[in-house]
Amino acid sequence: MSEKKLKTEQLLQRVDELLTVLNVISRDLTETSKALKAMVGAPAVAPKEGEMRTIDDIKTLFPKDLGEMLMFEEMEEDIIIKPRQYLGSENFAKIASIVRDAGGEYISAGKESHFRVPR
């Protein structure tokens, strides 16, 4: 085996190890964030038994500055969240985190990209 191929394989192995560590850290941070939100009385993200969330329920999850950047649309099963403007990577990450904590996801669809949160 050539020296170049050996170094490449070692680098790939190291990258895989780092990804594993980062995944563990990410899970720990998510759990810590949820615990801190519970301690400070952050609004609950799950609807009560038998109830569906409304746009207002979802809007309360966002700080005012982020909420003003977004449009909310209530669908039968989901609440769709679309940006009113370019978000930038920092705001996008904050919004994505809030949406994930609420059980939602980001849907990448070009100009129709949006966040979706189950009602």
Protein backbone atom coordinates (compact mmCIF):
# COMPACT_ATOMS: atom_id res chain seq x y z
CA MET A 1 0.00 0.00 0.00
CA SER A 2 1.36 3.40 -0.89
CA GLU A 3 2.19 5.92 1.81
CA LYS A 4 -0.33 8.39 0.36
CA LYS A 5 -3.15 5.84 0.50
CA LEU A 6 -2.22 4.89 4.07
CA LYS A 7 -2.29 8.55 5.18
CA THR A 8 -5.64 9.05 3.48
CA GLU A 9 -7.12 6.05 5.26
CA GLN A 10 -5.75 7.30 8.59
CA LEU A 11 -7.30 10.71 7.98
CA LEU A 12 -10.64 9.13 7.09
CA GLN A 13 -10.53 7.06 10.27
CA ARG A 14 -9.77 10.17 12.33
CA VAL A 15 -12.64 12.08 10.70
CA ASP A 16 -15.01 9.20 11.55
CA GLU A 17 -13.80 9.26 15.17
CA LEU A 18 -14.34 13.02 15.37
CA LEU A 19 -17.86 12.69 13.93
CA THR A 20 -18.71 10.14 16.60
CA VAL A 21 -17.48 12.49 19.34
CA LEU A 22 -19.38 15.45 17.84
CA ASN A 23 -22.60 13.41 17.72
CA VAL A 24 -22.23 12.56 21.42
CA ILE A 25 -21.59 16.23 22.24
CA SER A 26 -24.61 17.30 20.16
CA ARG A 27 -26.92 14.88 22.00
CA ASP A 28 -25.56 16.05 25.36
CA LEU A 29 -26.09 19.71 24.44
CA THR A 30 -29.65 18.99 23.30
CA GLU A 31 -30.45 17.27 26.60
CA THR A 32 -28.83 20.09 28.57
CA SER A 33 -30.77 22.70 26.62
CA LYS A 34 -34.06 20.92 27.29
CA ALA A 35 -33.26 20.62 30.98
CA LEU A 36 -32.36 24.31 31.24
CA LYS A 37 -35.53 25.34 29.43
CA ALA A 38 -37.56 23.23 31.84
CA MET A 39 -35.80 24.84 34.82
CA VAL A 40 -36.50 28.42 33.68
CA GLY A 41 -40.07 27.64 32.74
CA ALA A 42 -39.74 27.88 28.98
CA PRO A 43 -43.00 27.20 27.18
CA ALA A 44 -43.80 23.56 26.61
CA VAL A 45 -43.38 22.42 23.04
CA ALA A 46 -45.71 19.43 23.19
CA PRO A 47 -49.47 19.88 22.96
CA LYS A 48 -51.70 18.63 25.75
CA GLU A 49 -53.35 15.25 25.30
CA GLY A 50 -55.98 15.40 22.56
CA GLU A 51 -55.13 18.98 21.55
CA MET A 52 -53.38 20.30 18.48
CA ARG A 53 -50.91 23.16 18.54
CA THR A 54 -51.85 26.46 16.94
CA ILE A 55 -49.75 29.05 15.17
CA ASP A 56 -49.74 31.10 18.38
CA ASP A 57 -48.36 28.12 20.33
CA ILE A 58 -45.49 27.82 17.86
CA LYS A 59 -44.86 31.58 17.64
CA THR A 60 -44.29 31.72 21.40
CA LEU A 61 -41.31 29.39 20.99
CA PHE A 62 -39.38 32.02 19.04
CA PRO A 63 -37.76 35.17 20.42
CA LYS A 64 -39.40 38.30 19.01
CA ASP A 65 -36.52 39.15 16.66
CA LEU A 66 -36.59 35.69 15.06
CA GLY A 67 -40.37 35.48 14.97
CA GLU A 68 -40.56 38.70 12.96
CA MET A 69 -38.42 37.09 10.25
CA LEU A 70 -40.90 34.25 9.76
CA MET A 71 -44.32 33.58 8.24
CA PHE A 72 -46.51 30.90 9.81
CA GLU A 73 -49.20 28.90 8.01
CA GLU A 74 -51.51 26.41 9.67
CA MET A 75 -52.16 23.24 7.71
CA GLU A 76 -54.25 20.21 8.64
CA GLU A 77 -51.43 18.21 10.23
CA ASP A 78 -48.55 20.71 10.41
CA ILE A 79 -47.61 24.31 10.90
CA ILE A 80 -45.44 25.55 8.05
CA ILE A 81 -42.79 28.17 8.81
CA LYS A 82 -41.21 30.13 5.97
CA PRO A 83 -38.66 32.94 6.14
CA ARG A 84 -39.76 36.45 5.14
CA GLN A 85 -36.15 37.33 4.33
CA TYR A 86 -32.67 35.86 4.10
CA LEU A 87 -31.91 34.42 7.53
CA GLY A 88 -28.16 33.97 7.42
CA SER A 89 -26.48 30.94 8.93
CA GLU A 90 -26.69 32.04 12.58
CA ASN A 91 -30.43 32.82 12.53
CA PHE A 92 -31.13 29.72 10.45
CA ALA A 93 -29.34 27.56 13.04
CA LYS A 94 -31.30 29.15 15.92
CA ILE A 95 -34.61 28.63 14.13
CA ALA A 96 -33.72 25.06 13.15
CA SER A 97 -32.87 24.27 16.77
CA ILE A 98 -36.20 25.62 18.03
CA VAL A 99 -38.07 23.70 15.34
CA ARG A 100 -36.22 20.45 16.18
CA ASP A 101 -36.97 20.92 19.89
CA ALA A 102 -40.64 21.24 18.93
CA GLY A 103 -40.47 17.95 17.03
CA GLY A 104 -40.27 19.57 13.62
CA GLU A 105 -37.88 19.49 10.70
CA TYR A 106 -36.47 21.52 7.84
CA ILE A 107 -37.70 20.68 4.35
CA SER A 108 -35.19 21.62 1.67
CA ALA A 109 -37.08 22.29 -1.55
CA GLY A 110 -35.35 25.18 -3.30
CA LYS A 111 -37.54 28.29 -3.26
CA GLU A 112 -40.23 26.27 -1.47
CA SER A 113 -37.94 25.30 1.43
CA HIS A 114 -39.59 25.60 4.84
CA PHE A 115 -39.72 24.33 8.38
CA ARG A 116 -42.54 22.00 9.37
CA VAL A 117 -43.78 21.42 12.92
CA PRO A 118 -46.46 18.83 13.69
CA ARG A 119 -49.62 20.25 15.21
